[in-house]
PDB file of N, CA and C in Angstrom:
ATOM      1  N   MET A   1       0.843  -1.175   0.000  1.00  0.00           N
ATOM      2  CA  MET A   1       0.000   0.000   0.000  1.00  0.00           C
ATOM      3  C   MET A   1       0.892   1.244   0.000  1.00  0.00           C
ATOM      4  N   GLN A   2       0.420   2.290  -0.632  1.00  0.00           N
ATOM      5  CA  GLN A   2       1.183   3.528  -0.700  1.00  0.00           C
ATOM      6  C   GLN A   2       0.618   4.564   0.263  1.00  0.00           C
ATOM      7  N   THR A   3       1.451   5.523   0.587  1.00  0.00           N
ATOM      8  CA  THR A   3       1.063   6.560   1.542  1.00  0.00           C
ATOM      9  C   THR A   3      -0.203   7.290   1.099  1.00  0.00           C
ATOM     10  N   ALA A   4      -0.344   7.564  -0.181  1.00  0.00           N
ATOM     11  CA  ALA A   4      -1.525   8.285  -0.671  1.00  0.00           C
ATOM     12  C   ALA A   4      -2.800   7.491  -0.404  1.00  0.00           C
ATOM     13  N   GLU A   5      -2.745   6.177  -0.574  1.00  0.00           N
ATOM     14  CA  GLU A   5      -3.914   5.343  -0.301  1.00  0.00           C
ATOM     15  C   GLU A   5      -4.248   5.349   1.190  1.00  0.00           C
ATOM     16  N   ILE A   6      -3.236   5.229   2.017  1.00  0.00           N
ATOM     17  CA  ILE A   6      -3.452   5.241   3.460  1.00  0.00           C
ATOM     18  C   ILE A   6      -3.985   6.592   3.908  1.00  0.00           C
ATOM     19  N   ARG A   7      -3.470   7.666   3.339  1.00  0.00           N
ATOM     20  CA  ARG A   7      -3.939   9.013   3.683  1.00  0.00           C
ATOM     21  C   ARG A   7      -5.448   9.123   3.432  1.00  0.00           C
ATOM     22  N   ALA A   8      -5.921   8.589   2.331  1.00  0.00           N
ATOM     23  CA  ALA A   8      -7.351   8.640   2.012  1.00  0.00           C
ATOM     24  C   ALA A   8      -8.162   7.833   3.014  1.00  0.00           C
ATOM     25  N   ILE A   9      -7.656   6.686   3.424  1.00  0.00           N
ATOM     26  CA  ILE A   9      -8.355   5.860   4.408  1.00  0.00           C
ATOM     27  C   ILE A   9      -8.408   6.558   5.767  1.00  0.00           C
ATOM     28  N   LEU A  10      -7.305   7.169   6.177  1.00  0.00           N
ATOM     29  CA  LEU A  10      -7.252   7.850   7.477  1.00  0.00           C
ATOM     30  C   LEU A  10      -8.322   8.926   7.595  1.00  0.00           C
ATOM     31  N   GLN A  11      -8.615   9.597   6.503  1.00  0.00           N
ATOM     32  CA  GLN A  11      -9.591  10.691   6.531  1.00  0.00           C
ATOM     33  C   GLN A  11     -10.982  10.214   6.931  1.00  0.00           C
ATOM     34  N   ALA A  12     -11.274   8.926   6.717  1.00  0.00           N
ATOM     35  CA  ALA A  12     -12.609   8.390   6.999  1.00  0.00           C
ATOM     36  C   ALA A  12     -12.779   7.886   8.424  1.00  0.00           C
ATOM     37  N   VAL A  13     -11.714   7.876   9.211  1.00  0.00           N
ATOM     38  CA  VAL A  13     -11.760   7.298  10.562  1.00  0.00           C
ATOM     39  C   VAL A  13     -11.872   8.413  11.600  1.00  0.00           C
ATOM     40  N   PRO A  14     -12.845   8.314  12.534  1.00  0.00           N
ATOM     41  CA  PRO A  14     -13.015   9.370  13.533  1.00  0.00           C
ATOM     42  C   PRO A  14     -11.978   9.341  14.661  1.00  0.00           C
ATOM     43  N   MET A  15     -11.276   8.236  14.846  1.00  0.00           N
ATOM     44  CA  MET A  15     -10.225   8.114  15.871  1.00  0.00           C
ATOM     45  C   MET A  15      -8.966   8.817  15.375  1.00  0.00           C
ATOM     46  N   ALA A  16      -8.213   9.433  16.289  1.00  0.00           N
ATOM     47  CA  ALA A  16      -6.971  10.116  15.911  1.00  0.00           C
ATOM     48  C   ALA A  16      -5.938   9.098  15.425  1.00  0.00           C
ATOM     49  N   LEU A  17      -5.492   9.261  14.179  1.00  0.00           N
ATOM     50  CA  LEU A  17      -4.515   8.361  13.561  1.00  0.00           C
ATOM     51  C   LEU A  17      -3.353   9.161  12.990  1.00  0.00           C
ATOM     52  N   VAL A  18      -2.134   8.635  13.222  1.00  0.00           N
ATOM     53  CA  VAL A  18      -0.922   9.274  12.713  1.00  0.00           C
ATOM     54  C   VAL A  18      -0.046   8.190  12.095  1.00  0.00           C
ATOM     55  N   LEU A  19       0.348   8.367  10.845  1.00  0.00           N
ATOM     56  CA  LEU A  19       1.251   7.444  10.163  1.00  0.00           C
ATOM     57  C   LEU A  19       2.653   8.040  10.216  1.00  0.00           C
ATOM     58  N   VAL A  20       3.596   7.277  10.798  1.00  0.00           N
ATOM     59  CA  VAL A  20       4.945   7.768  11.065  1.00  0.00           C
ATOM     60  C   VAL A  20       5.960   6.935  10.292  1.00  0.00           C
ATOM     61  N   ASP A  21       6.947   7.586   9.672  1.00  0.00           N
ATOM     62  CA  ASP A  21       7.973   6.859   8.925  1.00  0.00           C
ATOM     63  C   ASP A  21       9.122   6.419   9.826  1.00  0.00           C
ATOM     64  N   ALA A  22      10.117   5.771   9.242  1.00  0.00           N
ATOM     65  CA  ALA A  22      11.251   5.236  10.000  1.00  0.00           C
ATOM     66  C   ALA A  22      12.081   6.323  10.670  1.00  0.00           C
ATOM     67  N   ASP A  23      11.994   7.556  10.189  1.00  0.00           N
ATOM     68  CA  ASP A  23      12.706   8.685  10.794  1.00  0.00           C
ATOM     69  C   ASP A  23      11.862   9.388  11.856  1.00  0.00           C
ATOM     70  N   GLN A  24      10.733   8.788  12.214  1.00  0.00           N
ATOM     71  CA  GLN A  24       9.791   9.317  13.196  1.00  0.00           C
ATOM     72  C   GLN A  24       9.201  10.663  12.778  1.00  0.00           C
ATOM     73  N   ARG A  25       8.949  10.786  11.483  1.00  0.00           N
ATOM     74  CA  ARG A  25       8.267  11.962  10.929  1.00  0.00           C
ATOM     75  C   ARG A  25       6.882  11.540  10.453  1.00  0.00           C
ATOM     76  N   VAL A  26       5.922  12.431  10.582  1.00  0.00           N
ATOM     77  CA  VAL A  26       4.544  12.133  10.215  1.00  0.00           C
ATOM     78  C   VAL A  26       4.387  12.154   8.689  1.00  0.00           C
ATOM     79  N   LEU A  27       3.970  11.001   8.166  1.00  0.00           N
ATOM     80  CA  LEU A  27       3.672  10.900   6.739  1.00  0.00           C
ATOM     81  C   LEU A  27       2.244  11.348   6.448  1.00  0.00           C
ATOM     82  N   ALA A  28       1.338  11.040   7.370  1.00  0.00           N
ATOM     83  CA  ALA A  28      -0.076  11.386   7.199  1.00  0.00           C
ATOM     84  C   ALA A  28      -0.739  11.427   8.567  1.00  0.00           C
ATOM     85  N   ALA A  29      -1.759  12.256   8.675  1.00  0.00           N
ATOM     86  CA  ALA A  29      -2.552  12.355   9.903  1.00  0.00           C
ATOM     87  C   ALA A  29      -3.968  12.735   9.517  1.00  0.00           C
ATOM     88  N   ASN A  30      -4.929  12.242  10.274  1.00  0.00           N
ATOM     89  CA  ASN A  30      -6.313  12.574   9.954  1.00  0.00           C
ATOM     90  C   ASN A  30      -6.781  13.796  10.747  1.00  0.00           C
ATOM     91  N   PRO A  31      -7.980  14.299  10.445  1.00  0.00           N
ATOM     92  CA  PRO A  31      -8.465  15.496  11.144  1.00  0.00           C
ATOM     93  C   PRO A  31      -8.558  15.327  12.659  1.00  0.00           C
ATOM     94  N   ALA A  32      -8.888  14.138  13.149  1.00  0.00           N
ATOM     95  CA  ALA A  32      -8.973  13.923  14.600  1.00  0.00           C
ATOM     96  C   ALA A  32      -7.598  14.088  15.248  1.00  0.00           C
ATOM     97  N   ALA A  33      -6.541  13.639  14.586  1.00  0.00           N
ATOM     98  CA  ALA A  33      -5.181  13.811  15.111  1.00  0.00           C
ATOM     99  C   ALA A  33      -4.784  15.283  15.080  1.00  0.00           C
ATOM    100  N   ALA A  34      -5.157  15.974  14.018  1.00  0.00           N
ATOM    101  CA  ALA A  34      -4.854  17.405  13.927  1.00  0.00           C
ATOM    102  C   ALA A  34      -5.553  18.166  15.042  1.00  0.00           C
ATOM    103  N   ALA A  35      -6.788  17.781  15.374  1.00  0.00           N
ATOM    104  CA  ALA A  35      -7.516  18.443  16.453  1.00  0.00           C
ATOM    105  C   ALA A  35      -6.882  18.142  17.813  1.00  0.00           C
ATOM    106  N   LEU A  36      -6.383  16.933  17.988  1.00  0.00           N
ATOM    107  CA  LEU A  36      -5.779  16.534  19.258  1.00  0.00           C
ATOM    108  C   LEU A  36      -4.421  17.189  19.478  1.00  0.00           C
ATOM    109  N   PHE A  37      -3.594  17.238  18.427  1.00  0.00           N
ATOM    110  CA  PHE A  37      -2.210  17.699  18.567  1.00  0.00           C
ATOM    111  C   PHE A  37      -1.922  19.048  17.925  1.00  0.00           C
ATOM    112  N   GLY A  38      -2.829  19.576  17.141  1.00  0.00           N
ATOM    113  CA  GLY A  38      -2.602  20.843  16.460  1.00  0.00           C
ATOM    114  C   GLY A  38      -2.126  20.629  15.035  1.00  0.00           C
ATOM    115  N   GLN A  39      -2.364  21.614  14.194  1.00  0.00           N
ATOM    116  CA  GLN A  39      -2.002  21.483  12.780  1.00  0.00           C
ATOM    117  C   GLN A  39      -0.779  22.286  12.454  1.00  0.00           C
ATOM    118  N   PRO A  40      -0.096  22.025  11.380  1.00  0.00           N
ATOM    119  CA  PRO A  40      -0.160  20.790  10.593  1.00  0.00           C
ATOM    120  C   PRO A  40       0.755  19.727  11.196  1.00  0.00           C
ATOM    121  N   LEU A  41       0.420  18.470  11.037  1.00  0.00           N
ATOM    122  CA  LEU A  41       1.240  17.382  11.558  1.00  0.00           C
ATOM    123  C   LEU A  41       2.148  16.784  10.486  1.00  0.00           C
ATOM    124  N   GLU A  42       1.680  16.726   9.263  1.00  0.00           N
ATOM    125  CA  GLU A  42       2.460  16.079   8.206  1.00  0.00           C
ATOM    126  C   GLU A  42       3.821  16.741   8.030  1.00  0.00           C
ATOM    127  N   GLY A  43       4.840  15.889   7.997  1.00  0.00           N
ATOM    128  CA  GLY A  43       6.202  16.359   7.831  1.00  0.00           C
ATOM    129  C   GLY A  43       6.907  16.681   9.139  1.00  0.00           C
ATOM    130  N   ARG A  44       6.168  16.752  10.232  1.00  0.00           N
ATOM    131  CA  ARG A  44       6.759  17.088  11.528  1.00  0.00           C
ATOM    132  C   ARG A  44       7.337  15.858  12.211  1.00  0.00           C
ATOM    133  N   ALA A  45       8.393  16.048  12.974  1.00  0.00           N
ATOM    134  CA  ALA A  45       8.929  14.980  13.812  1.00  0.00           C
ATOM    135  C   ALA A  45       7.970  14.760  14.974  1.00  0.00           C
ATOM    136  N   CYS A  46       7.829  13.519  15.404  1.00  0.00           N
ATOM    137  CA  CYS A  46       6.918  13.205  16.508  1.00  0.00           C
ATOM    138  C   CYS A  46       7.253  13.985  17.766  1.00  0.00           C
ATOM    139  N   THR A  47       8.525  14.256  17.991  1.00  0.00           N
ATOM    140  CA  THR A  47       8.936  14.974  19.200  1.00  0.00           C
ATOM    141  C   THR A  47       8.436  16.416  19.224  1.00  0.00           C
ATOM    142  N   THR A  48       7.957  16.937  18.106  1.00  0.00           N
ATOM    143  CA  THR A  48       7.468  18.316  18.083  1.00  0.00           C
ATOM    144  C   THR A  48       6.030  18.446  18.565  1.00  0.00           C
ATOM    145  N   PHE A  49       5.294  17.334  18.629  1.00  0.00           N
ATOM    146  CA  PHE A  49       3.914  17.429  19.102  1.00  0.00           C
ATOM    147  C   PHE A  49       3.590  16.476  20.256  1.00  0.00           C
ATOM    148  N   LEU A  50       4.454  15.492  20.516  1.00  0.00           N
ATOM    149  CA  LEU A  50       4.225  14.580  21.632  1.00  0.00           C
ATOM    150  C   LEU A  50       5.563  14.065  22.135  1.00  0.00           C
ATOM    151  N   ARG A  51       6.056  14.685  23.199  1.00  0.00           N
ATOM    152  CA  ARG A  51       7.385  14.373  23.726  1.00  0.00           C
ATOM    153  C   ARG A  51       7.350  13.376  24.879  1.00  0.00           C
ATOM    154  N   HIS A  52       6.266  12.673  25.043  1.00  0.00           N
ATOM    155  CA  HIS A  52       6.128  11.738  26.156  1.00  0.00           C
ATOM    156  C   HIS A  52       7.095  10.560  25.975  1.00  0.00           C
ATOM    157  N   PRO A  53       7.930  10.250  26.997  1.00  0.00           N
ATOM    158  CA  PRO A  53       8.944   9.201  26.850  1.00  0.00           C
ATOM    159  C   PRO A  53       8.370   7.807  26.588  1.00  0.00           C
ATOM    160  N   ASP A  54       7.216   7.477  27.166  1.00  0.00           N
ATOM    161  CA  ASP A  54       6.624   6.158  26.894  1.00  0.00           C
ATOM    162  C   ASP A  54       6.201   6.041  25.435  1.00  0.00           C
ATOM    163  N   PHE A  55       5.574   7.088  24.910  1.00  0.00           N
ATOM    164  CA  PHE A  55       5.180   7.077  23.500  1.00  0.00           C
ATOM    165  C   PHE A  55       6.396   6.947  22.599  1.00  0.00           C
ATOM    166  N   LEU A  56       7.398   7.777  22.819  1.00  0.00           N
ATOM    167  CA  LEU A  56       8.577   7.767  21.954  1.00  0.00           C
ATOM    168  C   LEU A  56       9.344   6.450  22.047  1.00  0.00           C
ATOM    169  N   GLY A  57       9.447   5.887  23.236  1.00  0.00           N
ATOM    170  CA  GLY A  57      10.132   4.612  23.403  1.00  0.00           C
ATOM    171  C   GLY A  57       9.410   3.478  22.710  1.00  0.00           C
ATOM    172  N   ARG A  58       8.098   3.434  22.845  1.00  0.00           N
ATOM    173  CA  ARG A  58       7.317   2.377  22.194  1.00  0.00           C
ATOM    174  C   ARG A  58       7.300   2.557  20.681  1.00  0.00           C
ATOM    175  N   LEU A  59       7.285   3.801  20.218  1.00  0.00           N
ATOM    176  CA  LEU A  59       7.354   4.064  18.786  1.00  0.00           C
ATOM    177  C   LEU A  59       8.676   3.561  18.221  1.00  0.00           C
ATOM    178  N   GLU A  60       9.752   3.888  18.894  1.00  0.00           N
ATOM    179  CA  GLU A  60      11.074   3.443  18.456  1.00  0.00           C
ATOM    180  C   GLU A  60      11.149   1.916  18.435  1.00  0.00           C
ATOM    181  N   SER A  61      10.602   1.271  19.438  1.00  0.00           N
ATOM    182  CA  SER A  61      10.595  -0.185  19.507  1.00  0.00           C
ATOM    183  C   SER A  61       9.791  -0.798  18.360  1.00  0.00           C
ATOM    184  N   ALA A  62       8.612  -0.254  18.094  1.00  0.00           N
ATOM    185  CA  ALA A  62       7.772  -0.774  17.005  1.00  0.00           C
ATOM    186  C   ALA A  62       8.461  -0.622  15.655  1.00  0.00           C
ATOM    187  N   LEU A  63       9.131   0.500  15.452  1.00  0.00           N
ATOM    188  CA  LEU A  63       9.866   0.710  14.205  1.00  0.00           C
ATOM    189  C   LEU A  63      11.039  -0.254  14.075  1.00  0.00           C
ATOM    190  N   ALA A  64      11.753  -0.491  15.174  1.00  0.00           N
ATOM    191  CA  ALA A  64      12.952  -1.330  15.138  1.00  0.00           C
ATOM    192  C   ALA A  64      12.630  -2.817  15.031  1.00  0.00           C
ATOM    193  N   THR A  65      11.590  -3.261  15.735  1.00  0.00           N
ATOM    194  CA  THR A  65      11.318  -4.698  15.800  1.00  0.00           C
ATOM    195  C   THR A  65      10.218  -5.170  14.862  1.00  0.00           C
ATOM    196  N   GLY A  66       9.382  -4.243  14.392  1.00  0.00           N
ATOM    197  CA  GLY A  66       8.247  -4.639  13.569  1.00  0.00           C
ATOM    198  C   GLY A  66       7.128  -5.275  14.383  1.00  0.00           C
ATOM    199  N   GLN A  67       7.182  -5.119  15.708  1.00  0.00           N
ATOM    200  CA  GLN A  67       6.168  -5.672  16.597  1.00  0.00           C
ATOM    201  C   GLN A  67       5.235  -4.571  17.086  1.00  0.00           C
ATOM    202  N   ARG A  68       3.962  -4.905  17.210  1.00  0.00           N
ATOM    203  CA  ARG A  68       2.972  -3.953  17.703  1.00  0.00           C
ATOM    204  C   ARG A  68       3.304  -3.575  19.150  1.00  0.00           C
ATOM    205  N   ALA A  69       3.061  -2.324  19.498  1.00  0.00           N
ATOM    206  CA  ALA A  69       3.321  -1.833  20.851  1.00  0.00           C
ATOM    207  C   ALA A  69       2.147  -0.978  21.306  1.00  0.00           C
ATOM    208  N   GLU A  70       1.978  -0.892  22.611  1.00  0.00           N
ATOM    209  CA  GLU A  70       0.920  -0.065  23.193  1.00  0.00           C
ATOM    210  C   GLU A  70       1.494   0.774  24.317  1.00  0.00           C
ATOM    211  N   ALA A  71       0.860   1.909  24.549  1.00  0.00           N
ATOM    212  CA  ALA A  71       1.270   2.773  25.655  1.00  0.00           C
ATOM    213  C   ALA A  71       0.045   3.499  26.185  1.00  0.00           C
ATOM    214  N   ARG A  72       0.089   3.817  27.457  1.00  0.00           N
ATOM    215  CA  ARG A  72      -0.917   4.677  28.092  1.00  0.00           C
ATOM    216  C   ARG A  72      -0.146   5.871  28.630  1.00  0.00           C
ATOM    217  N   ILE A  73      -0.599   7.034  28.224  1.00  0.00           N
ATOM    218  CA  ILE A  73       0.131   8.243  28.608  1.00  0.00           C
ATOM    219  C   ILE A  73      -0.832   9.275  29.179  1.00  0.00           C
ATOM    220  N   VAL A  74      -0.298  10.142  30.006  1.00  0.00           N
ATOM    221  CA  VAL A  74      -1.065  11.238  30.599  1.00  0.00           C
ATOM    222  C   VAL A  74      -0.363  12.538  30.227  1.00  0.00           C
ATOM    223  N   LEU A  75      -1.124  13.448  29.645  1.00  0.00           N
ATOM    224  CA  LEU A  75      -0.600  14.758  29.261  1.00  0.00           C
ATOM    225  C   LEU A  75      -1.212  15.812  30.173  1.00  0.00           C
ATOM    226  N   ALA A  76      -0.375  16.631  30.758  1.00  0.00           N
ATOM    227  CA  ALA A  76      -0.857  17.709  31.618  1.00  0.00           C
ATOM    228  C   ALA A  76      -0.993  18.973  30.791  1.00  0.00           C
ATOM    229  N   GLY A  77      -2.128  19.645  30.934  1.00  0.00           N
ATOM    230  CA  GLY A  77      -2.368  20.878  30.194  1.00  0.00           C
ATOM    231  C   GLY A  77      -3.075  21.893  31.058  1.00  0.00           C
ATOM    232  N   VAL A  78      -3.365  23.027  30.479  1.00  0.00           N
ATOM    233  CA  VAL A  78      -4.040  24.115  31.187  1.00  0.00           C
ATOM    234  C   VAL A  78      -5.416  23.675  31.664  1.00  0.00           C
ATOM    235  N   ALA A  79      -6.120  22.901  30.852  1.00  0.00           N
ATOM    236  CA  ALA A  79      -7.481  22.475  31.185  1.00  0.00           C
ATOM    237  C   ALA A  79      -7.506  21.220  32.052  1.00  0.00           C
ATOM    238  N   GLY A  80      -6.349  20.676  32.394  1.00  0.00           N
ATOM    239  CA  GLY A  80      -6.282  19.460  33.207  1.00  0.00           C
ATOM    240  C   GLY A  80      -5.495  18.380  32.498  1.00  0.00           C
ATOM    241  N   GLU A  81      -5.714  17.157  32.939  1.00  0.00           N
ATOM    242  CA  GLU A  81      -4.989  16.030  32.372  1.00  0.00           C
ATOM    243  C   GLU A  81      -5.774  15.384  31.234  1.00  0.00           C
ATOM    244  N   THR A  82      -5.031  14.926  30.230  1.00  0.00           N
ATOM    245  CA  THR A  82      -5.605  14.153  29.136  1.00  0.00           C
ATOM    246  C   THR A  82      -4.971  12.771  29.178  1.00  0.00           C
ATOM    247  N   HIS A  83      -5.805  11.752  29.287  1.00  0.00           N
ATOM    248  CA  HIS A  83      -5.326  10.373  29.315  1.00  0.00           C
ATOM    249  C   HIS A  83      -5.500   9.778  27.921  1.00  0.00           C
ATOM    250  N   LEU A  84      -4.429   9.231  27.379  1.00  0.00           N
ATOM    251  CA  LEU A  84      -4.462   8.649  26.043  1.00  0.00           C
ATOM    252  C   LEU A  84      -3.946   7.219  26.076  1.00  0.00           C
ATOM    253  N   ALA A  85      -4.608   6.354  25.340  1.00  0.00           N
ATOM    254  CA  ALA A  85      -4.096   5.021  25.047  1.00  0.00           C
ATOM    255  C   ALA A  85      -3.695   5.053  23.582  1.00  0.00           C
ATOM    256  N   VAL A  86      -2.528   4.516  23.275  1.00  0.00           N
ATOM    257  CA  VAL A  86      -2.070   4.504  21.888  1.00  0.00           C
ATOM    258  C   VAL A  86      -1.625   3.101  21.516  1.00  0.00           C
ATOM    259  N   ALA A  87      -2.066   2.667  20.337  1.00  0.00           N
ATOM    260  CA  ALA A  87      -1.627   1.397  19.758  1.00  0.00           C
ATOM    261  C   ALA A  87      -0.749   1.739  18.563  1.00  0.00           C
ATOM    262  N   LEU A  88       0.442   1.162  18.525  1.00  0.00           N
ATOM    263  CA  LEU A  88       1.411   1.436  17.463  1.00  0.00           C
ATOM    264  C   LEU A  88       1.600   0.166  16.644  1.00  0.00           C
ATOM    265  N   THR A  89       1.125   0.196  15.400  1.00  0.00           N
ATOM    266  CA  THR A  89       1.139  -0.984  14.543  1.00  0.00           C
ATOM    267  C   THR A  89       2.066  -0.770  13.361  1.00  0.00           C
ATOM    268  N   PRO A  90       3.120  -1.592  13.238  1.00  0.00           N
ATOM    269  CA  PRO A  90       4.036  -1.472  12.100  1.00  0.00           C
ATOM    270  C   PRO A  90       3.331  -1.834  10.785  1.00  0.00           C
ATOM    271  N   LEU A  91       3.679  -1.115   9.730  1.00  0.00           N
ATOM    272  CA  LEU A  91       3.144  -1.355   8.392  1.00  0.00           C
ATOM    273  C   LEU A  91       4.291  -1.376   7.393  1.00  0.00           C
ATOM    274  N   ALA A  92       4.126  -2.174   6.361  1.00  0.00           N
ATOM    275  CA  ALA A  92       5.088  -2.173   5.256  1.00  0.00           C
ATOM    276  C   ALA A  92       4.462  -1.371   4.120  1.00  0.00           C
ATOM    277  N   LEU A  93       5.051  -0.245   3.800  1.00  0.00           N
ATOM    278  CA  LEU A  93       4.572   0.611   2.718  1.00  0.00           C
ATOM    279  C   LEU A  93       5.487   0.472   1.515  1.00  0.00           C
ATOM    280  N   ALA A  94       5.006   0.890   0.368  1.00  0.00           N
ATOM    281  CA  ALA A  94       5.838   0.888  -0.829  1.00  0.00           C
ATOM    282  C   ALA A  94       7.067   1.765  -0.621  1.00  0.00           C
ATOM    283  N   GLU A  95       6.913   2.818   0.192  1.00  0.00           N
ATOM    284  CA  GLU A  95       8.000   3.756   0.457  1.00  0.00           C
ATOM    285  C   GLU A  95       8.944   3.273   1.550  1.00  0.00           C
ATOM    286  N   GLY A  96       8.611   2.191   2.256  1.00  0.00           N
ATOM    287  CA  GLY A  96       9.428   1.676   3.352  1.00  0.00           C
ATOM    288  C   GLY A  96       8.602   1.395   4.584  1.00  0.00           C
ATOM    289  N   GLY A  97       9.265   1.103   5.690  1.00  0.00           N
ATOM    290  CA  GLY A  97       8.583   0.791   6.921  1.00  0.00           C
ATOM    291  C   GLY A  97       7.961   2.008   7.573  1.00  0.00           C
ATOM    292  N   ALA A  98       6.870   1.777   8.293  1.00  0.00           N
ATOM    293  CA  ALA A  98       6.179   2.857   8.986  1.00  0.00           C
ATOM    294  C   ALA A  98       5.395   2.256  10.148  1.00  0.00           C
ATOM    295  N   VAL A  99       4.880   3.134  10.988  1.00  0.00           N
ATOM    296  CA  VAL A  99       4.036   2.721  12.105  1.00  0.00           C
ATOM    297  C   VAL A  99       2.781   3.584  12.091  1.00  0.00           C
ATOM    298  N   LEU A 100       1.637   2.942  12.299  1.00  0.00           N
ATOM    299  CA  LEU A 100       0.372   3.647  12.418  1.00  0.00           C
ATOM    300  C   LEU A 100       0.055   3.774  13.897  1.00  0.00           C
ATOM    301  N   GLY A 101      -0.045   5.001  14.374  1.00  0.00           N
ATOM    302  CA  GLY A 101      -0.418   5.266  15.759  1.00  0.00           C
ATOM    303  C   GLY A 101      -1.889   5.590  15.848  1.00  0.00           C
ATOM    304  N   ALA A 102      -2.624   4.814  16.643  1.00  0.00           N
ATOM    305  CA  ALA A 102      -4.060   5.043  16.852  1.00  0.00           C
ATOM    306  C   ALA A 102      -4.252   5.479  18.298  1.00  0.00           C
ATOM    307  N   PHE A 103      -4.807   6.676  18.484  1.00  0.00           N
ATOM    308  CA  PHE A 103      -5.005   7.249  19.814  1.00  0.00           C
ATOM    309  C   PHE A 103      -6.468   7.177  20.198  1.00  0.00           C
TER     310      PHE A 103
END
């Protein structure tokens, strides 16, 4: 599957989804992810919108091993805490390896 095809599929899903390449840069994100993390996400390094060590460690592991990973993270903000569960699923794309993060 190619990134353009996945990008079209992501747009139809109401859950926040982010497709990340091997360099931990966002290849595609849907509107729910943009609302959660701010726009624009595409082309940005993951560390620019979510610096949580559990997320970054599990992302790195999923990219390196090709194994699915999960994390539960808490983000502190002005309005209070946001609790997120994230599933990180490795994908083989025509452009190379990637991970789909579902929040």
